N, C-alpha and C. Protein backbone atom coordinates (compact mmCIF):
# COMPACT_ATOMS: atom_id res chain seq x y z
N MET A 1 102.95 95.32 56.18
CA MET A 1 102.51 95.39 54.80
C MET A 1 103.49 96.26 54.00
N LYS A 2 103.96 95.75 52.89
CA LYS A 2 104.94 96.43 52.04
C LYS A 2 104.22 97.38 51.08
N GLU A 3 104.65 98.63 51.07
CA GLU A 3 104.12 99.65 50.15
C GLU A 3 105.20 99.97 49.13
N THR A 4 104.98 99.59 47.88
CA THR A 4 105.97 99.81 46.82
C THR A 4 105.85 101.23 46.27
N ARG A 5 107.00 101.84 46.02
CA ARG A 5 107.08 103.17 45.42
C ARG A 5 108.11 103.12 44.29
N PRO A 6 108.16 104.15 43.41
CA PRO A 6 109.12 104.13 42.30
C PRO A 6 110.58 104.11 42.77
N TRP A 7 110.85 104.57 43.97
CA TRP A 7 112.21 104.65 44.51
C TRP A 7 112.59 103.44 45.37
N GLY A 8 111.63 102.56 45.67
CA GLY A 8 111.89 101.41 46.54
C GLY A 8 110.62 100.98 47.23
N PHE A 9 110.66 100.85 48.57
CA PHE A 9 109.46 100.48 49.32
C PHE A 9 109.60 100.88 50.78
N TYR A 10 108.47 100.81 51.50
CA TYR A 10 108.49 101.01 52.95
C TYR A 10 107.50 100.07 53.61
N ARG A 11 107.72 99.85 54.89
CA ARG A 11 106.80 99.09 55.73
C ARG A 11 106.54 99.91 56.99
N THR A 12 105.29 100.04 57.37
CA THR A 12 104.97 100.67 58.64
C THR A 12 105.18 99.64 59.74
N ILE A 13 106.01 100.00 60.70
CA ILE A 13 106.33 99.10 61.81
C ILE A 13 105.31 99.28 62.93
N GLU A 14 104.99 100.53 63.23
CA GLU A 14 104.03 100.83 64.30
C GLU A 14 103.43 102.20 64.07
N GLU A 15 102.16 102.35 64.45
CA GLU A 15 101.50 103.65 64.34
C GLU A 15 100.56 103.83 65.52
N THR A 16 100.66 105.00 66.16
CA THR A 16 99.76 105.37 67.26
C THR A 16 99.24 106.78 66.95
N ASP A 17 98.50 107.35 67.87
CA ASP A 17 98.03 108.73 67.71
C ASP A 17 99.17 109.73 67.88
N GLU A 18 100.30 109.30 68.47
CA GLU A 18 101.39 110.21 68.78
C GLU A 18 102.61 110.06 67.88
N TYR A 19 102.77 108.89 67.21
CA TYR A 19 103.93 108.67 66.36
C TYR A 19 103.66 107.56 65.35
N LYS A 20 104.53 107.51 64.33
CA LYS A 20 104.50 106.45 63.32
C LYS A 20 105.96 106.07 63.03
N VAL A 21 106.24 104.78 62.92
CA VAL A 21 107.59 104.30 62.65
C VAL A 21 107.56 103.48 61.36
N LYS A 22 108.48 103.80 60.43
CA LYS A 22 108.58 103.09 59.16
C LYS A 22 109.99 102.56 58.93
N TYR A 23 110.08 101.41 58.28
CA TYR A 23 111.32 100.91 57.70
C TYR A 23 111.26 101.31 56.24
N ILE A 24 112.33 101.96 55.71
CA ILE A 24 112.32 102.44 54.33
C ILE A 24 113.56 101.93 53.60
N TYR A 25 113.34 101.41 52.39
CA TYR A 25 114.40 100.90 51.52
C TYR A 25 114.41 101.76 50.25
N VAL A 26 115.57 102.33 49.92
CA VAL A 26 115.73 103.13 48.70
C VAL A 26 116.67 102.38 47.77
N SER A 27 116.20 102.08 46.56
CA SER A 27 116.98 101.33 45.57
C SER A 27 118.19 102.14 45.10
N PRO A 28 119.25 101.45 44.65
CA PRO A 28 120.45 102.15 44.17
C PRO A 28 120.12 103.19 43.09
N GLY A 29 120.65 104.40 43.26
CA GLY A 29 120.47 105.47 42.28
C GLY A 29 119.12 106.15 42.32
N LYS A 30 118.26 105.80 43.26
CA LYS A 30 116.92 106.40 43.35
C LYS A 30 116.87 107.39 44.51
N ARG A 31 115.86 108.27 44.47
CA ARG A 31 115.69 109.23 45.55
C ARG A 31 114.21 109.55 45.74
N LEU A 32 113.88 109.94 46.94
CA LEU A 32 112.53 110.38 47.25
C LEU A 32 112.35 111.79 46.73
N SER A 33 111.13 112.26 46.69
CA SER A 33 110.88 113.62 46.24
C SER A 33 111.44 114.62 47.26
N LEU A 34 111.74 115.82 46.77
CA LEU A 34 112.06 116.93 47.66
C LEU A 34 110.72 117.39 48.20
N GLN A 35 110.54 117.31 49.51
CA GLN A 35 109.21 117.47 50.09
C GLN A 35 109.27 118.12 51.46
N LYS A 36 108.09 118.46 51.96
CA LYS A 36 107.95 118.95 53.32
C LYS A 36 106.59 118.48 53.84
N HIS A 37 106.41 118.63 55.15
CA HIS A 37 105.16 118.21 55.80
C HIS A 37 104.64 119.34 56.67
N GLU A 38 103.34 119.49 56.69
CA GLU A 38 102.72 120.53 57.51
C GLU A 38 102.39 120.06 58.92
N HIS A 39 102.21 118.74 59.10
CA HIS A 39 101.69 118.24 60.37
C HIS A 39 102.64 117.32 61.13
N ARG A 40 103.83 117.08 60.60
CA ARG A 40 104.72 116.14 61.28
C ARG A 40 106.19 116.51 61.10
N ALA A 41 106.98 116.09 62.09
CA ALA A 41 108.44 116.12 62.02
C ALA A 41 108.91 114.69 61.82
N GLU A 42 110.14 114.52 61.35
CA GLU A 42 110.68 113.18 61.13
C GLU A 42 112.11 113.10 61.64
N THR A 43 112.47 111.91 62.09
CA THR A 43 113.87 111.60 62.41
C THR A 43 114.23 110.37 61.60
N TRP A 44 115.36 110.43 60.90
CA TRP A 44 115.85 109.31 60.10
C TRP A 44 117.09 108.73 60.76
N ALA A 45 117.08 107.41 60.98
CA ALA A 45 118.24 106.69 61.50
C ALA A 45 118.72 105.73 60.42
N ILE A 46 119.93 105.92 59.94
CA ILE A 46 120.46 105.14 58.83
C ILE A 46 120.91 103.76 59.31
N ILE A 47 120.42 102.72 58.64
CA ILE A 47 120.77 101.34 58.96
C ILE A 47 121.85 100.83 58.01
N HIS A 48 121.69 101.13 56.71
CA HIS A 48 122.64 100.65 55.70
C HIS A 48 122.82 101.72 54.63
N GLY A 49 124.06 101.84 54.16
CA GLY A 49 124.35 102.72 53.03
C GLY A 49 124.92 104.06 53.45
N ARG A 50 125.17 104.88 52.44
CA ARG A 50 125.70 106.22 52.62
C ARG A 50 124.83 107.20 51.83
N PRO A 51 123.64 107.47 52.33
CA PRO A 51 122.71 108.31 51.57
C PRO A 51 123.16 109.76 51.48
N ILE A 52 122.72 110.39 50.41
CA ILE A 52 122.87 111.84 50.25
C ILE A 52 121.55 112.44 50.75
N VAL A 53 121.66 113.31 51.74
CA VAL A 53 120.49 113.87 52.40
C VAL A 53 120.46 115.37 52.19
N THR A 54 119.29 115.88 51.88
CA THR A 54 119.07 117.32 51.77
C THR A 54 118.07 117.73 52.84
N VAL A 55 118.42 118.77 53.61
CA VAL A 55 117.51 119.39 54.56
C VAL A 55 117.62 120.89 54.33
N ASP A 56 116.53 121.47 53.84
CA ASP A 56 116.52 122.87 53.43
C ASP A 56 117.65 123.13 52.45
N ASP A 57 118.59 124.03 52.76
CA ASP A 57 119.66 124.38 51.82
C ASP A 57 120.94 123.57 52.02
N SER A 58 120.93 122.61 52.92
CA SER A 58 122.12 121.79 53.20
C SER A 58 122.01 120.42 52.56
N THR A 59 123.07 119.98 51.89
CA THR A 59 123.15 118.63 51.34
C THR A 59 124.41 117.99 51.88
N PHE A 60 124.28 116.76 52.40
CA PHE A 60 125.40 116.08 53.04
C PHE A 60 125.23 114.57 52.92
N THR A 61 126.32 113.85 53.11
CA THR A 61 126.31 112.40 53.07
C THR A 61 126.27 111.87 54.50
N MET A 62 125.40 110.90 54.74
CA MET A 62 125.31 110.29 56.05
C MET A 62 125.92 108.89 56.01
N ARG A 63 126.16 108.33 57.18
CA ARG A 63 126.71 106.98 57.32
C ARG A 63 125.79 106.15 58.19
N GLU A 64 126.04 104.85 58.17
CA GLU A 64 125.29 103.95 59.03
C GLU A 64 125.43 104.37 60.49
N ARG A 65 124.36 104.23 61.25
CA ARG A 65 124.27 104.55 62.67
C ARG A 65 124.21 106.06 62.95
N GLU A 66 124.10 106.87 61.91
CA GLU A 66 123.88 108.30 62.11
C GLU A 66 122.39 108.60 61.95
N SER A 67 121.98 109.74 62.51
CA SER A 67 120.58 110.14 62.39
C SER A 67 120.48 111.64 62.12
N VAL A 68 119.34 112.04 61.60
CA VAL A 68 119.08 113.46 61.34
C VAL A 68 117.61 113.73 61.67
N SER A 69 117.36 114.90 62.22
CA SER A 69 115.99 115.32 62.54
C SER A 69 115.53 116.39 61.57
N ILE A 70 114.29 116.26 61.14
CA ILE A 70 113.69 117.18 60.17
C ILE A 70 112.45 117.77 60.82
N GLU A 71 112.42 119.07 60.97
CA GLU A 71 111.29 119.74 61.61
C GLU A 71 110.13 119.92 60.64
N LYS A 72 108.95 120.13 61.19
CA LYS A 72 107.78 120.44 60.38
C LYS A 72 108.10 121.61 59.46
N GLY A 73 107.74 121.48 58.19
CA GLY A 73 107.93 122.57 57.23
C GLY A 73 109.30 122.62 56.57
N GLN A 74 110.27 121.83 57.03
CA GLN A 74 111.59 121.82 56.39
C GLN A 74 111.56 120.97 55.12
N LEU A 75 112.17 121.49 54.06
CA LEU A 75 112.34 120.69 52.85
C LEU A 75 113.35 119.58 53.12
N HIS A 76 113.09 118.39 52.58
CA HIS A 76 114.01 117.29 52.80
C HIS A 76 113.90 116.25 51.69
N ARG A 77 115.00 115.48 51.55
CA ARG A 77 115.08 114.41 50.55
C ARG A 77 116.21 113.46 50.97
N ILE A 78 116.07 112.20 50.58
CA ILE A 78 117.13 111.22 50.79
C ILE A 78 117.35 110.48 49.49
N GLU A 79 118.61 110.21 49.17
CA GLU A 79 118.98 109.61 47.88
C GLU A 79 120.01 108.51 48.11
N ALA A 80 119.81 107.37 47.44
CA ALA A 80 120.79 106.28 47.49
C ALA A 80 121.83 106.52 46.40
N PRO A 81 123.11 106.26 46.69
CA PRO A 81 124.12 106.36 45.64
C PRO A 81 123.87 105.31 44.56
N ALA A 82 124.42 105.52 43.39
CA ALA A 82 124.16 104.63 42.24
C ALA A 82 124.63 103.20 42.48
N ASP A 83 125.62 103.02 43.36
CA ASP A 83 126.22 101.70 43.54
C ASP A 83 125.75 100.95 44.79
N ASP A 84 124.78 101.49 45.54
CA ASP A 84 124.35 100.81 46.76
C ASP A 84 122.94 101.26 47.14
N TYR A 85 122.25 100.43 47.90
CA TYR A 85 120.93 100.76 48.41
C TYR A 85 121.06 101.44 49.77
N VAL A 86 119.96 102.01 50.24
CA VAL A 86 119.91 102.65 51.54
C VAL A 86 118.73 102.07 52.32
N GLU A 87 118.96 101.79 53.59
CA GLU A 87 117.90 101.39 54.51
C GLU A 87 117.92 102.35 55.69
N PHE A 88 116.72 102.78 56.11
CA PHE A 88 116.67 103.63 57.29
C PHE A 88 115.34 103.47 58.01
N ILE A 89 115.34 103.88 59.26
CA ILE A 89 114.12 103.92 60.06
C ILE A 89 113.69 105.37 60.14
N GLU A 90 112.41 105.60 59.89
CA GLU A 90 111.84 106.94 59.98
C GLU A 90 110.85 106.96 61.14
N VAL A 91 111.05 107.91 62.06
CA VAL A 91 110.12 108.11 63.16
C VAL A 91 109.42 109.44 62.94
N GLN A 92 108.11 109.38 62.78
CA GLN A 92 107.31 110.58 62.57
C GLN A 92 106.63 110.95 63.89
N THR A 93 106.67 112.25 64.22
CA THR A 93 105.94 112.75 65.39
C THR A 93 105.15 113.97 64.96
N GLY A 94 103.99 114.14 65.54
CA GLY A 94 103.16 115.28 65.17
C GLY A 94 101.70 115.00 65.43
N THR A 95 100.86 115.62 64.60
CA THR A 95 99.41 115.52 64.82
C THR A 95 98.69 114.73 63.74
N TYR A 96 99.38 114.45 62.62
CA TYR A 96 98.75 113.73 61.52
C TYR A 96 99.83 113.04 60.70
N PHE A 97 99.60 111.76 60.33
CA PHE A 97 100.64 110.97 59.67
C PHE A 97 100.23 110.42 58.31
N GLY A 98 99.17 110.93 57.73
CA GLY A 98 98.70 110.45 56.44
C GLY A 98 99.67 110.77 55.31
N GLU A 99 99.66 109.91 54.29
CA GLU A 99 100.52 110.11 53.12
C GLU A 99 100.15 111.39 52.35
N ASP A 100 98.96 111.92 52.58
CA ASP A 100 98.56 113.16 51.91
C ASP A 100 99.14 114.41 52.59
N ASP A 101 99.95 114.23 53.64
CA ASP A 101 100.67 115.35 54.25
C ASP A 101 102.06 115.47 53.64
N ILE A 102 102.16 115.20 52.35
CA ILE A 102 103.41 115.37 51.62
C ILE A 102 103.20 116.50 50.62
N VAL A 103 103.99 117.55 50.77
CA VAL A 103 103.99 118.65 49.82
C VAL A 103 105.25 118.47 48.97
N ARG A 104 105.08 117.98 47.74
CA ARG A 104 106.22 117.72 46.86
C ARG A 104 106.61 119.00 46.12
N VAL A 105 107.89 119.34 46.21
CA VAL A 105 108.43 120.51 45.52
C VAL A 105 109.11 120.08 44.23
N GLU A 106 109.71 118.87 44.24
CA GLU A 106 110.40 118.33 43.08
C GLU A 106 110.29 116.81 43.16
N ASP A 107 109.98 116.16 42.02
CA ASP A 107 109.79 114.72 42.03
C ASP A 107 110.26 114.12 40.72
N ASP A 108 111.11 113.09 40.78
CA ASP A 108 111.64 112.43 39.59
C ASP A 108 110.61 111.56 38.87
N TYR A 109 109.48 111.30 39.51
CA TYR A 109 108.52 110.33 38.99
C TYR A 109 107.19 110.95 38.57
N GLY A 110 107.15 112.28 38.48
CA GLY A 110 105.96 112.96 37.99
C GLY A 110 104.79 113.00 38.95
N ARG A 111 105.03 112.73 40.23
CA ARG A 111 103.95 112.80 41.22
C ARG A 111 103.79 114.23 41.70
N GLU A 112 102.56 114.58 42.06
CA GLU A 112 102.30 115.94 42.58
C GLU A 112 102.18 115.91 44.08
């Protein structure tokens, strides 16, 4: 099932009590909120594009076939460059995977 967001969309591939896997598409020039989670860690594996990734105080560009791990409580964000889209797989591990476990610190779309 496709879940549309202001930055693109995602599909949940699989969900169990121990993990959740999503396919995520970020439209050109869009970015997710700067956020953190209290109950889960995430690993992002880049499929397409050269996203700009922020983890805590570090900002860097990733490439296809690279991955990054984000621990519980770490601030993070992913952004597509203006001229290309980004596709990645997100693997969540932890104790709770609900969308309400998003603590937004900064958001381009006015969401809290």
